[in-house]
Amino acid sequence: MPFILTPVLSGLIEYAALATGLCPLYGGVIVPWTTPAIISGFLVGGWRTALLQVVVLVMSFFIYLPFAKLMDKQYCEQEQAGEQEQATA
């Protein structure tokens, strides 16, 4: 679910920021794909694009957070069940 939701929302936020003029249109600067997110945004479009990347990263974190917590809960339950089996053996 987050693999689908996050890119869609990121794209919509990016499009809205460019369409409304909150971020400048990109001038054709190509940065290597290994450039960290906020630095690449600054190099491509200035501080407003770097700020947009911060917003998208924070949004992505909060989209993934419930799924990560659910998986952690499942792993904790499995671990406790395994410890109880070891204690009884």
PDB file of N, CA and C in Angstrom:
ATOM      1  N   MET A   1       0.805  -1.203   0.000  1.00  0.00           N
ATOM      2  CA  MET A   1       0.000   0.000   0.000  1.00  0.00           C
ATOM      3  C   MET A   1       0.853   1.275   0.000  1.00  0.00           C
ATOM      4  N   PRO A   2       1.839   1.413   0.893  1.00  0.00           N
ATOM      5  CA  PRO A   2       2.620   2.652   0.865  1.00  0.00           C
ATOM      6  C   PRO A   2       3.465   2.778  -0.401  1.00  0.00           C
ATOM      7  N   PHE A   3       3.797   1.632  -1.038  1.00  0.00           N
ATOM      8  CA  PHE A   3       4.585   1.681  -2.267  1.00  0.00           C
ATOM      9  C   PHE A   3       3.797   2.342  -3.393  1.00  0.00           C
ATOM     10  N   ILE A   4       2.488   2.297  -3.326  1.00  0.00           N
ATOM     11  CA  ILE A   4       1.650   2.920  -4.346  1.00  0.00           C
ATOM     12  C   ILE A   4       1.259   4.333  -3.924  1.00  0.00           C
ATOM     13  N   LEU A   5       0.872   4.502  -2.680  1.00  0.00           N
ATOM     14  CA  LEU A   5       0.359   5.778  -2.198  1.00  0.00           C
ATOM     15  C   LEU A   5       1.430   6.873  -2.172  1.00  0.00           C
ATOM     16  N   THR A   6       2.620   6.554  -1.712  1.00  0.00           N
ATOM     17  CA  THR A   6       3.664   7.566  -1.560  1.00  0.00           C
ATOM     18  C   THR A   6       4.078   8.199  -2.887  1.00  0.00           C
ATOM     19  N   PRO A   7       4.412   7.430  -3.935  1.00  0.00           N
ATOM     20  CA  PRO A   7       4.792   8.092  -5.186  1.00  0.00           C
ATOM     21  C   PRO A   7       3.662   8.898  -5.819  1.00  0.00           C
ATOM     22  N   VAL A   8       2.423   8.415  -5.677  1.00  0.00           N
ATOM     23  CA  VAL A   8       1.297   9.154  -6.250  1.00  0.00           C
ATOM     24  C   VAL A   8       1.143  10.502  -5.556  1.00  0.00           C
ATOM     25  N   LEU A   9       1.144  10.502  -4.233  1.00  0.00           N
ATOM     26  CA  LEU A   9       1.014  11.762  -3.501  1.00  0.00           C
ATOM     27  C   LEU A   9       2.215  12.676  -3.724  1.00  0.00           C
ATOM     28  N   SER A  10       3.403  12.103  -3.797  1.00  0.00           N
ATOM     29  CA  SER A  10       4.604  12.904  -4.058  1.00  0.00           C
ATOM     30  C   SER A  10       4.504  13.589  -5.416  1.00  0.00           C
ATOM     31  N   GLY A  11       4.074  12.845  -6.415  1.00  0.00           N
ATOM     32  CA  GLY A  11       3.925  13.419  -7.748  1.00  0.00           C
ATOM     33  C   GLY A  11       2.882  14.517  -7.793  1.00  0.00           C
ATOM     34  N   LEU A  12       1.766  14.302  -7.093  1.00  0.00           N
ATOM     35  CA  LEU A  12       0.715  15.325  -7.063  1.00  0.00           C
ATOM     36  C   LEU A  12       1.181  16.595  -6.358  1.00  0.00           C
ATOM     37  N   ILE A  13       1.894  16.440  -5.260  1.00  0.00           N
ATOM     38  CA  ILE A  13       2.412  17.608  -4.532  1.00  0.00           C
ATOM     39  C   ILE A  13       3.432  18.350  -5.398  1.00  0.00           C
ATOM     40  N   GLU A  14       4.312  17.610  -6.043  1.00  0.00           N
ATOM     41  CA  GLU A  14       5.313  18.218  -6.918  1.00  0.00           C
ATOM     42  C   GLU A  14       4.652  18.967  -8.066  1.00  0.00           C
ATOM     43  N   TYR A  15       3.673  18.331  -8.699  1.00  0.00           N
ATOM     44  CA  TYR A  15       2.973  18.968  -9.812  1.00  0.00           C
ATOM     45  C   TYR A  15       2.273  20.242  -9.349  1.00  0.00           C
ATOM     46  N   ALA A  16       1.599  20.173  -8.217  1.00  0.00           N
ATOM     47  CA  ALA A  16       0.894  21.343  -7.699  1.00  0.00           C
ATOM     48  C   ALA A  16       1.866  22.475  -7.380  1.00  0.00           C
ATOM     49  N   ALA A  17       3.015  22.149  -6.823  1.00  0.00           N
ATOM     50  CA  ALA A  17       4.008  23.170  -6.483  1.00  0.00           C
ATOM     51  C   ALA A  17       4.560  23.842  -7.738  1.00  0.00           C
ATOM     52  N   LEU A  18       4.777  23.069  -8.785  1.00  0.00           N
ATOM     53  CA  LEU A  18       5.271  23.643 -10.038  1.00  0.00           C
ATOM     54  C   LEU A  18       4.176  24.424 -10.759  1.00  0.00           C
ATOM     55  N   ALA A  19       2.951  23.902 -10.776  1.00  0.00           N
ATOM     56  CA  ALA A  19       1.860  24.546 -11.499  1.00  0.00           C
ATOM     57  C   ALA A  19       1.445  25.871 -10.862  1.00  0.00           C
ATOM     58  N   THR A  20       1.514  25.957  -9.543  1.00  0.00           N
ATOM     59  CA  THR A  20       1.119  27.184  -8.856  1.00  0.00           C
ATOM     60  C   THR A  20       2.257  28.184  -8.722  1.00  0.00           C
ATOM     61  N   GLY A  21       3.458  27.773  -9.072  1.00  0.00           N
ATOM     62  CA  GLY A  21       4.592  28.681  -8.994  1.00  0.00           C
ATOM     63  C   GLY A  21       5.273  28.712  -7.639  1.00  0.00           C
ATOM     64  N   LEU A  22       4.896  27.799  -6.732  1.00  0.00           N
ATOM     65  CA  LEU A  22       5.577  27.750  -5.429  1.00  0.00           C
ATOM     66  C   LEU A  22       7.042  27.363  -5.596  1.00  0.00           C
ATOM     67  N   CYS A  23       7.316  26.518  -6.583  1.00  0.00           N
ATOM     68  CA  CYS A  23       8.685  26.139  -6.919  1.00  0.00           C
ATOM     69  C   CYS A  23       8.945  26.555  -8.360  1.00  0.00           C
ATOM     70  N   PRO A  24      10.161  27.005  -8.641  1.00  0.00           N
ATOM     71  CA  PRO A  24      10.452  27.397 -10.023  1.00  0.00           C
ATOM     72  C   PRO A  24      10.533  26.164 -10.924  1.00  0.00           C
ATOM     73  N   LEU A  25      10.229  26.376 -12.205  1.00  0.00           N
ATOM     74  CA  LEU A  25      10.413  25.290 -13.167  1.00  0.00           C
ATOM     75  C   LEU A  25      11.902  24.968 -13.246  1.00  0.00           C
ATOM     76  N   TYR A  26      12.209  23.712 -13.451  1.00  0.00           N
ATOM     77  CA  TYR A  26      13.598  23.287 -13.434  1.00  0.00           C
ATOM     78  C   TYR A  26      14.294  23.708 -14.714  1.00  0.00           C
ATOM     79  N   GLY A  27      15.529  24.148 -14.560  1.00  0.00           N
ATOM     80  CA  GLY A  27      16.266  24.718 -15.681  1.00  0.00           C
ATOM     81  C   GLY A  27      17.127  23.748 -16.458  1.00  0.00           C
ATOM     82  N   GLY A  28      17.001  22.473 -16.220  1.00  0.00           N
ATOM     83  CA  GLY A  28      17.768  21.500 -16.982  1.00  0.00           C
ATOM     84  C   GLY A  28      19.048  21.044 -16.301  1.00  0.00           C
ATOM     85  N   VAL A  29      19.262  21.411 -15.058  1.00  0.00           N
ATOM     86  CA  VAL A  29      20.434  20.943 -14.319  1.00  0.00           C
ATOM     87  C   VAL A  29      20.217  19.473 -13.992  1.00  0.00           C
ATOM     88  N   ILE A  30      21.186  18.660 -14.341  1.00  0.00           N
ATOM     89  CA  ILE A  30      21.086  17.234 -14.065  1.00  0.00           C
ATOM     90  C   ILE A  30      22.093  16.897 -12.965  1.00  0.00           C
ATOM     91  N   VAL A  31      21.579  16.424 -11.853  1.00  0.00           N
ATOM     92  CA  VAL A  31      22.455  16.020 -10.746  1.00  0.00           C
ATOM     93  C   VAL A  31      22.510  14.503 -10.714  1.00  0.00           C
ATOM     94  N   PRO A  32      23.618  13.936 -10.264  1.00  0.00           N
ATOM     95  CA  PRO A  32      23.696  12.468 -10.167  1.00  0.00           C
ATOM     96  C   PRO A  32      22.618  11.928  -9.234  1.00  0.00           C
ATOM     97  N   TRP A  33      22.153  10.718  -9.517  1.00  0.00           N
ATOM     98  CA  TRP A  33      21.071  10.130  -8.721  1.00  0.00           C
ATOM     99  C   TRP A  33      21.503   9.836  -7.300  1.00  0.00           C
ATOM    100  N   THR A  34      22.806   9.834  -7.046  1.00  0.00           N
ATOM    101  CA  THR A  34      23.298   9.551  -5.692  1.00  0.00           C
ATOM    102  C   THR A  34      23.354  10.795  -4.816  1.00  0.00           C
ATOM    103  N   THR A  35      22.993  11.944  -5.364  1.00  0.00           N
ATOM    104  CA  THR A  35      22.992  13.179  -4.580  1.00  0.00           C
ATOM    105  C   THR A  35      21.860  13.119  -3.557  1.00  0.00           C
ATOM    106  N   PRO A  36      22.147  13.414  -2.295  1.00  0.00           N
ATOM    107  CA  PRO A  36      21.097  13.369  -1.270  1.00  0.00           C
ATOM    108  C   PRO A  36      19.919  14.280  -1.626  1.00  0.00           C
ATOM    109  N   ALA A  37      18.761  13.925  -1.144  1.00  0.00           N
ATOM    110  CA  ALA A  37      17.503  14.558  -1.553  1.00  0.00           C
ATOM    111  C   ALA A  37      17.505  16.075  -1.400  1.00  0.00           C
ATOM    112  N   ILE A  38      17.786  16.596  -0.274  1.00  0.00           N
ATOM    113  CA  ILE A  38      17.646  18.032  -0.050  1.00  0.00           C
ATOM    114  C   ILE A  38      18.710  18.808  -0.819  1.00  0.00           C
ATOM    115  N   ILE A  39      19.901  18.258  -0.917  1.00  0.00           N
ATOM    116  CA  ILE A  39      20.964  18.911  -1.675  1.00  0.00           C
ATOM    117  C   ILE A  39      20.620  18.930  -3.159  1.00  0.00           C
ATOM    118  N   SER A  40      20.098  17.833  -3.679  1.00  0.00           N
ATOM    119  CA  SER A  40      19.728  17.805  -5.100  1.00  0.00           C
ATOM    120  C   SER A  40      18.619  18.809  -5.393  1.00  0.00           C
ATOM    121  N   GLY A  41      17.672  18.945  -4.499  1.00  0.00           N
ATOM    122  CA  GLY A  41      16.616  19.936  -4.684  1.00  0.00           C
ATOM    123  C   GLY A  41      17.161  21.346  -4.718  1.00  0.00           C
ATOM    124  N   PHE A  42      18.117  21.621  -3.855  1.00  0.00           N
ATOM    125  CA  PHE A  42      18.734  22.952  -3.836  1.00  0.00           C
ATOM    126  C   PHE A  42      19.494  23.223  -5.130  1.00  0.00           C
ATOM    127  N   LEU A  43      20.208  22.222  -5.630  1.00  0.00           N
ATOM    128  CA  LEU A  43      20.973  22.403  -6.863  1.00  0.00           C
ATOM    129  C   LEU A  43      20.075  22.566  -8.085  1.00  0.00           C
ATOM    130  N   VAL A  44      18.946  21.884  -8.100  1.00  0.00           N
ATOM    131  CA  VAL A  44      18.055  21.918  -9.262  1.00  0.00           C
ATOM    132  C   VAL A  44      17.178  23.162  -9.269  1.00  0.00           C
ATOM    133  N   GLY A  45      16.618  23.520  -8.107  1.00  0.00           N
ATOM    134  CA  GLY A  45      15.631  24.603  -8.113  1.00  0.00           C
ATOM    135  C   GLY A  45      15.745  25.610  -7.000  1.00  0.00           C
ATOM    136  N   GLY A  46      16.814  25.574  -6.222  1.00  0.00           N
ATOM    137  CA  GLY A  46      16.971  26.545  -5.143  1.00  0.00           C
ATOM    138  C   GLY A  46      16.338  26.083  -3.841  1.00  0.00           C
ATOM    139  N   TRP A  47      16.230  27.034  -2.924  1.00  0.00           N
ATOM    140  CA  TRP A  47      15.783  26.685  -1.573  1.00  0.00           C
ATOM    141  C   TRP A  47      14.326  26.231  -1.540  1.00  0.00           C
ATOM    142  N   ARG A  48      13.503  26.748  -2.455  1.00  0.00           N
ATOM    143  CA  ARG A  48      12.090  26.343  -2.437  1.00  0.00           C
ATOM    144  C   ARG A  48      11.926  24.877  -2.841  1.00  0.00           C
ATOM    145  N   THR A  49      12.737  24.439  -3.793  1.00  0.00           N
ATOM    146  CA  THR A  49      12.670  23.027  -4.190  1.00  0.00           C
ATOM    147  C   THR A  49      13.238  22.134  -3.093  1.00  0.00           C
ATOM    148  N   ALA A  50      14.283  22.597  -2.415  1.00  0.00           N
ATOM    149  CA  ALA A  50      14.820  21.834  -1.281  1.00  0.00           C
ATOM    150  C   ALA A  50      13.766  21.717  -0.186  1.00  0.00           C
ATOM    151  N   LEU A  51      13.037  22.794   0.070  1.00  0.00           N
ATOM    152  CA  LEU A  51      11.970  22.763   1.071  1.00  0.00           C
ATOM    153  C   LEU A  51      10.850  21.818   0.642  1.00  0.00           C
ATOM    154  N   LEU A  52      10.528  21.807  -0.639  1.00  0.00           N
ATOM    155  CA  LEU A  52       9.520  20.879  -1.157  1.00  0.00           C
ATOM    156  C   LEU A  52       9.958  19.437  -0.920  1.00  0.00           C
ATOM    157  N   GLN A  53      11.238  19.149  -1.116  1.00  0.00           N
ATOM    158  CA  GLN A  53      11.723  17.795  -0.870  1.00  0.00           C
ATOM    159  C   GLN A  53      11.638  17.437   0.603  1.00  0.00           C
ATOM    160  N   VAL A  54      11.863  18.385   1.478  1.00  0.00           N
ATOM    161  CA  VAL A  54      11.701  18.126   2.915  1.00  0.00           C
ATOM    162  C   VAL A  54      10.245  17.766   3.210  1.00  0.00           C
ATOM    163  N   VAL A  55       9.310  18.511   2.629  1.00  0.00           N
ATOM    164  CA  VAL A  55       7.883  18.243   2.846  1.00  0.00           C
ATOM    165  C   VAL A  55       7.523  16.845   2.341  1.00  0.00           C
ATOM    166  N   VAL A  56       8.018  16.482   1.161  1.00  0.00           N
ATOM    167  CA  VAL A  56       7.713  15.168   0.593  1.00  0.00           C
ATOM    168  C   VAL A  56       8.343  14.058   1.447  1.00  0.00           C
ATOM    169  N   LEU A  57       9.550  14.265   1.938  1.00  0.00           N
ATOM    170  CA  LEU A  57      10.192  13.259   2.790  1.00  0.00           C
ATOM    171  C   LEU A  57       9.426  13.067   4.102  1.00  0.00           C
ATOM    172  N   VAL A  58       8.981  14.146   4.704  1.00  0.00           N
ATOM    173  CA  VAL A  58       8.213  14.046   5.956  1.00  0.00           C
ATOM    174  C   VAL A  58       6.881  13.351   5.695  1.00  0.00           C
ATOM    175  N   MET A  59       6.218  13.706   4.588  1.00  0.00           N
ATOM    176  CA  MET A  59       4.960  13.051   4.240  1.00  0.00           C
ATOM    177  C   MET A  59       5.181  11.551   4.029  1.00  0.00           C
ATOM    178  N   SER A  60       6.238  11.203   3.334  1.00  0.00           N
ATOM    179  CA  SER A  60       6.539   9.796   3.079  1.00  0.00           C
ATOM    180  C   SER A  60       6.792   9.042   4.374  1.00  0.00           C
ATOM    181  N   PHE A  61       7.498   9.669   5.299  1.00  0.00           N
ATOM    182  CA  PHE A  61       7.758   9.051   6.596  1.00  0.00           C
ATOM    183  C   PHE A  61       6.457   8.705   7.300  1.00  0.00           C
ATOM    184  N   PHE A  62       5.520   9.653   7.308  1.00  0.00           N
ATOM    185  CA  PHE A  62       4.266   9.423   8.019  1.00  0.00           C
ATOM    186  C   PHE A  62       3.347   8.447   7.289  1.00  0.00           C
ATOM    187  N   ILE A  63       3.512   8.296   5.992  1.00  0.00           N
ATOM    188  CA  ILE A  63       2.747   7.273   5.281  1.00  0.00           C
ATOM    189  C   ILE A  63       3.266   5.892   5.644  1.00  0.00           C
ATOM    190  N   TYR A  64       4.571   5.737   5.712  1.00  0.00           N
ATOM    191  CA  TYR A  64       5.169   4.432   5.999  1.00  0.00           C
ATOM    192  C   TYR A  64       5.101   4.057   7.477  1.00  0.00           C
ATOM    193  N   LEU A  65       5.013   5.031   8.377  1.00  0.00           N
ATOM    194  CA  LEU A  65       5.081   4.785   9.819  1.00  0.00           C
ATOM    195  C   LEU A  65       4.070   3.761  10.331  1.00  0.00           C
ATOM    196  N   PRO A  66       2.785   3.841  10.005  1.00  0.00           N
ATOM    197  CA  PRO A  66       1.852   2.844  10.539  1.00  0.00           C
ATOM    198  C   PRO A  66       2.168   1.423  10.067  1.00  0.00           C
ATOM    199  N   PHE A  67       2.636   1.297   8.837  1.00  0.00           N
ATOM    200  CA  PHE A  67       2.972  -0.023   8.310  1.00  0.00           C
ATOM    201  C   PHE A  67       4.209  -0.588   9.007  1.00  0.00           C
ATOM    202  N   ALA A  68       5.179   0.274   9.278  1.00  0.00           N
ATOM    203  CA  ALA A  68       6.380  -0.169   9.993  1.00  0.00           C
ATOM    204  C   ALA A  68       6.033  -0.568  11.428  1.00  0.00           C
ATOM    205  N   LYS A  69       5.152   0.193  12.068  1.00  0.00           N
ATOM    206  CA  LYS A  69       4.742  -0.152  13.436  1.00  0.00           C
ATOM    207  C   LYS A  69       3.992  -1.478  13.467  1.00  0.00           C
ATOM    208  N   LEU A  70       3.131  -1.703  12.487  1.00  0.00           N
ATOM    209  CA  LEU A  70       2.390  -2.956  12.417  1.00  0.00           C
ATOM    210  C   LEU A  70       3.340  -4.134  12.230  1.00  0.00           C
ATOM    211  N   MET A  71       4.327  -3.988  11.360  1.00  0.00           N
ATOM    212  CA  MET A  71       5.290  -5.062  11.141  1.00  0.00           C
ATOM    213  C   MET A  71       6.124  -5.308  12.395  1.00  0.00           C
ATOM    214  N   ASP A  72       6.500  -4.228  13.084  1.00  0.00           N
ATOM    215  CA  ASP A  72       7.262  -4.376  14.318  1.00  0.00           C
ATOM    216  C   ASP A  72       6.445  -5.112  15.371  1.00  0.00           C
ATOM    217  N   LYS A  73       5.167  -4.793  15.462  1.00  0.00           N
ATOM    218  CA  LYS A  73       4.290  -5.471  16.416  1.00  0.00           C
ATOM    219  C   LYS A  73       4.210  -6.959  16.106  1.00  0.00           C
ATOM    220  N   GLN A  74       4.079  -7.307  14.826  1.00  0.00           N
ATOM    221  CA  GLN A  74       4.023  -8.708  14.429  1.00  0.00           C
ATOM    222  C   GLN A  74       5.324  -9.432  14.770  1.00  0.00           C
ATOM    223  N   TYR A  75       6.450  -8.786  14.510  1.00  0.00           N
ATOM    224  CA  TYR A  75       7.739  -9.414  14.821  1.00  0.00           C
ATOM    225  C   TYR A  75       7.928  -9.571  16.330  1.00  0.00           C
ATOM    226  N   CYS A  76       7.465  -8.605  17.113  1.00  0.00           N
ATOM    227  CA  CYS A  76       7.564  -8.720  18.576  1.00  0.00           C
ATOM    228  C   CYS A  76       6.725  -9.885  19.090  1.00  0.00           C
ATOM    229  N   GLU A  77       5.531 -10.051  18.524  1.00  0.00           N
ATOM    230  CA  GLU A  77       4.686 -11.174  18.929  1.00  0.00           C
ATOM    231  C   GLU A  77       5.329 -12.507  18.560  1.00  0.00           C
ATOM    232  N   GLN A  78       5.934 -12.594  17.389  1.00  0.00           N
ATOM    233  CA  GLN A  78       6.628 -13.821  16.979  1.00  0.00           C
ATOM    234  C   GLN A  78       7.815 -14.097  17.897  1.00  0.00           C
ATOM    235  N   GLU A  79       8.537 -13.046  18.255  1.00  0.00           N
ATOM    236  CA  GLU A  79       9.692 -13.211  19.132  1.00  0.00           C
ATOM    237  C   GLU A  79       9.261 -13.695  20.510  1.00  0.00           C
ATOM    238  N   GLN A  80       8.188 -13.120  21.045  1.00  0.00           N
ATOM    239  CA  GLN A  80       7.708 -13.553  22.357  1.00  0.00           C
ATOM    240  C   GLN A  80       7.200 -14.980  22.308  1.00  0.00           C
ATOM    241  N   ALA A  81       6.552 -15.355  21.232  1.00  0.00           N
ATOM    242  CA  ALA A  81       6.086 -16.741  21.108  1.00  0.00           C
ATOM    243  C   ALA A  81       7.257 -17.701  21.038  1.00  0.00           C
ATOM    244  N   GLY A  82       8.323 -17.308  20.349  1.00  0.00           N
ATOM    245  CA  GLY A  82       9.515 -18.149  20.270  1.00  0.00           C
ATOM    246  C   GLY A  82      10.217 -18.271  21.621  1.00  0.00           C
ATOM    247  N   GLU A  83      10.248 -17.199  22.385  1.00  0.00           N
ATOM    248  CA  GLU A  83      10.872 -17.235  23.714  1.00  0.00           C
ATOM    249  C   GLU A  83      10.068 -18.132  24.654  1.00  0.00           C
ATOM    250  N   GLN A  84       8.737 -18.096  24.543  1.00  0.00           N
ATOM    251  CA  GLN A  84       7.910 -18.936  25.398  1.00  0.00           C
ATOM    252  C   GLN A  84       8.090 -20.401  25.043  1.00  0.00           C
ATOM    253  N   GLU A  85       8.250 -20.704  23.766  1.00  0.00           N
ATOM    254  CA  GLU A  85       8.490 -22.087  23.342  1.00  0.00           C
ATOM    255  C   GLU A  85       9.843 -22.584  23.852  1.00  0.00           C
ATOM    256  N   GLN A  86      10.840 -21.714  23.841  1.00  0.00           N
ATOM    257  CA  GLN A  86      12.172 -22.097  24.337  1.00  0.00           C
ATOM    258  C   GLN A  86      12.134 -22.327  25.841  1.00  0.00           C
ATOM    259  N   ALA A  87      11.380 -21.518  26.557  1.00  0.00           N
ATOM    260  CA  ALA A  87      11.302 -21.635  28.013  1.00  0.00           C
ATOM    261  C   ALA A  87      10.624 -22.930  28.432  1.00  0.00           C
ATOM    262  N   THR A  88       9.663 -23.363  27.644  1.00  0.00           N
ATOM    263  CA  THR A  88       8.939 -24.597  28.002  1.00  0.00           C
ATOM    264  C   THR A  88       9.685 -25.837  27.544  1.00  0.00           C
ATOM    265  N   ALA A  89      10.627 -25.699  26.623  1.00  0.00           N
ATOM    266  CA  ALA A  89      11.350 -26.872  26.119  1.00  0.00           C
ATOM    267  C   ALA A  89      12.494 -27.275  26.988  1.00  0.00           C
TER     268      ALA A  89
END
